Amino acid sequence: MCERPAVVARCPVAAIRPALVNGKPSLEVDEKKCICCGACYPPCPPMQINDPEHSKIAIWVGGKNSNARSKPTFHKLVAAGLPNNAPRWPEAAEVVKKILRVYKEDGRPWERMIDWIDRIGWPRFFEKTGLPFTKYHIDDWRGSRVNLNASNHIRF
């Protein structure tokens, strides 16, 4: 079903390699190397990337492309280490709902979420949403590797 060379080539950490299962060509994933980045999903949608034992979910908020009036802004980590409980992800859904409830109550009409956060500030965002702020939310080169390796990046 999947184009094996394309799937192997897409993995940024070489965690996927060709294998034979019952004499048929297949793929093998090294769970210790896999960072659950989702790069294998486009060439192989059936690829299992939601293993609750080995992966966690992180939620990032904000960010937008540049336009004639403003520069691009980057998204920021607001929740990390959430359990990857497929198929409904109740813990991650609850955090997203909490953020959206506060945004709905406090945001101005037609105000994007990042504009709302810029107006109130990140410290107030964490205060209003009740989300804990930890050392992993500080975006530095040492901490970012831990953050990125503990999160699923889902692209739409």
Protein backbone atom coordinates (compact mmCIF):
# COMPACT_ATOMS: atom_id res chain seq x y z
CA MET A 1 0.00 0.00 0.00
CA CYS A 2 2.91 2.38 0.72
CA GLU A 3 5.85 3.30 -1.45
CA ARG A 4 8.60 1.90 0.77
CA PRO A 5 11.58 3.90 -0.56
CA ALA A 6 9.67 7.18 -0.16
CA VAL A 7 8.69 6.35 3.43
CA VAL A 8 12.26 5.36 4.35
CA ALA A 9 13.64 8.52 2.73
CA ARG A 10 11.16 10.82 4.53
CA CYS A 11 12.21 9.79 8.05
CA PRO A 12 14.53 12.52 9.43
CA VAL A 13 16.12 10.23 12.05
CA ALA A 14 16.37 7.01 9.99
CA ALA A 15 13.97 5.16 12.29
CA ILE A 16 12.22 3.38 9.36
CA ARG A 17 13.85 0.64 7.33
CA PRO A 18 12.67 -1.99 4.86
CA ALA A 19 11.83 -5.42 6.28
CA LEU A 20 10.22 -8.72 5.30
CA VAL A 21 7.15 -9.93 7.19
CA ASN A 22 6.00 -13.46 6.35
CA GLY A 23 8.03 -13.22 3.15
CA LYS A 24 6.29 -10.00 2.04
CA PRO A 25 7.94 -6.57 1.78
CA SER A 26 7.09 -4.32 4.69
CA LEU A 27 8.55 -1.60 6.89
CA GLU A 28 10.08 -1.72 10.35
CA VAL A 29 10.10 1.22 12.80
CA ASP A 30 12.76 1.54 15.51
CA GLU A 31 10.69 2.94 18.43
CA LYS A 32 13.79 4.21 20.25
CA LYS A 33 14.76 6.42 17.29
CA CYS A 34 11.26 7.54 16.26
CA ILE A 35 10.41 11.12 17.27
CA CYS A 36 6.75 10.87 16.12
CA CYS A 37 7.17 13.79 13.73
CA GLY A 38 4.61 12.50 11.24
CA ALA A 39 6.91 12.81 8.21
CA CYS A 40 6.09 9.21 7.26
CA TYR A 41 2.35 9.87 7.12
CA PRO A 42 2.04 11.56 3.67
CA PRO A 43 3.68 8.74 1.68
CA CYS A 44 2.09 6.06 3.91
CA PRO A 45 -1.19 7.02 5.66
CA PRO A 46 -1.57 3.64 7.42
CA MET A 47 1.77 4.21 9.22
CA GLN A 48 1.19 3.99 12.98
CA ILE A 49 2.34 7.29 14.54
CA ASN A 50 0.11 7.43 17.62
CA ASP A 51 1.66 4.92 20.00
CA PRO A 52 0.45 5.98 23.48
CA GLU A 53 3.34 4.26 25.23
CA HIS A 54 6.17 5.98 23.35
CA SER A 55 4.77 9.34 22.25
CA LYS A 56 3.30 12.43 23.86
CA ILE A 57 1.41 15.41 22.44
CA ALA A 58 2.28 19.09 22.73
CA ILE A 59 0.03 22.03 21.91
CA TRP A 60 1.45 25.13 20.23
CA VAL A 61 -0.47 28.42 19.96
CA GLY A 62 -0.10 31.55 17.86
CA GLY A 63 1.99 32.21 14.82
CA LYS A 64 1.00 33.67 11.48
CA ASN A 65 2.43 34.40 8.07
CA SER A 66 3.64 37.86 7.21
CA ASN A 67 1.49 40.29 5.27
CA ALA A 68 1.76 43.89 4.07
CA ARG A 69 1.28 45.22 7.61
CA SER A 70 3.16 42.81 9.88
CA LYS A 71 6.12 40.48 10.09
CA PRO A 72 5.67 36.73 10.59
CA THR A 73 5.29 35.53 14.18
CA PHE A 74 6.21 32.17 15.61
CA HIS A 75 3.98 29.84 17.60
CA LYS A 76 4.80 29.02 21.22
CA LEU A 77 4.52 25.86 23.25
CA VAL A 78 1.67 26.07 25.79
CA ALA A 79 1.18 22.44 26.89
CA ALA A 80 3.59 19.52 26.68
CA GLY A 81 3.71 15.87 27.68
CA LEU A 82 -0.01 15.21 27.18
CA PRO A 83 -0.91 11.52 26.77
CA ASN A 84 -1.42 10.33 23.21
CA ASN A 85 -4.73 8.54 23.83
CA ALA A 86 -6.16 7.94 20.37
CA PRO A 87 -8.73 8.15 18.85
CA ARG A 88 -10.37 11.04 20.77
CA TRP A 89 -7.34 12.45 22.71
CA PRO A 90 -9.43 13.62 25.71
CA GLU A 91 -6.57 15.31 27.60
CA ALA A 92 -5.38 17.29 24.57
CA ALA A 93 -8.96 18.16 23.61
CA GLU A 94 -9.64 19.49 27.12
CA VAL A 95 -6.59 21.81 26.96
CA VAL A 96 -7.65 23.11 23.52
CA LYS A 97 -11.23 23.67 24.75
CA LYS A 98 -9.93 25.54 27.81
CA ILE A 99 -7.81 27.85 25.61
CA LEU A 100 -10.72 28.46 23.23
CA ARG A 101 -13.16 29.21 26.09
CA VAL A 102 -10.86 31.88 27.53
CA TYR A 103 -10.17 33.30 24.07
CA LYS A 104 -13.90 33.50 23.33
CA GLU A 105 -14.61 35.30 26.62
CA ASP A 106 -11.70 37.76 26.48
CA GLY A 107 -10.94 38.23 22.77
CA ARG A 108 -12.33 41.12 20.78
CA PRO A 109 -14.53 40.57 17.71
CA TRP A 110 -12.43 39.72 14.62
CA GLU A 111 -9.25 39.50 16.75
CA ARG A 112 -7.01 36.57 15.92
CA MET A 113 -5.71 34.47 18.77
CA ILE A 114 -2.12 35.68 18.34
CA ASP A 115 -3.34 39.31 18.34
CA TRP A 116 -5.26 38.63 21.54
CA ILE A 117 -2.16 37.06 23.13
CA ASP A 118 0.01 39.99 21.99
CA ARG A 119 -2.51 42.36 23.61
CA ILE A 120 -2.67 40.59 26.98
CA GLY A 121 0.87 39.12 27.01
CA TRP A 122 2.05 35.55 27.43
CA PRO A 123 2.21 35.66 31.27
CA ARG A 124 -1.46 36.73 31.39
CA PHE A 125 -2.34 34.02 28.80
CA PHE A 126 -1.00 31.31 31.12
CA GLU A 127 -2.73 32.94 34.11
CA LYS A 128 -6.13 33.17 32.38
CA THR A 129 -6.04 29.66 30.92
CA GLY A 130 -4.73 28.06 34.11
CA LEU A 131 -2.05 26.18 32.17
CA PRO A 132 1.21 25.60 34.08
CA PHE A 133 4.33 27.37 32.85
CA THR A 134 7.42 25.18 33.14
CA LYS A 135 11.07 25.39 32.11
CA TYR A 136 10.17 23.52 28.90
CA HIS A 137 8.16 26.50 27.67
CA ILE A 138 11.29 28.64 27.45
CA ASP A 139 12.40 28.50 23.84
CA ASP A 140 16.14 27.97 23.94
CA TRP A 141 18.30 25.60 21.96
CA ARG A 142 18.82 23.19 24.84
CA GLY A 143 15.16 22.98 25.80
CA SER A 144 13.71 23.01 22.30
CA ARG A 145 15.18 19.61 21.41
CA VAL A 146 13.32 18.04 24.34
CA ASN A 147 10.11 19.90 23.41
CA LEU A 148 10.19 18.95 19.74
CA ASN A 149 11.07 15.31 20.40
CA ALA A 150 8.13 14.97 22.79
CA SER A 151 5.44 16.30 20.51
CA ASN A 152 3.45 15.36 17.45
CA HIS A 153 3.46 17.96 14.72
CA ILE A 154 0.25 17.74 12.76
CA ARG A 155 0.10 19.67 9.52
CA PHE A 156 -3.20 20.54 7.84
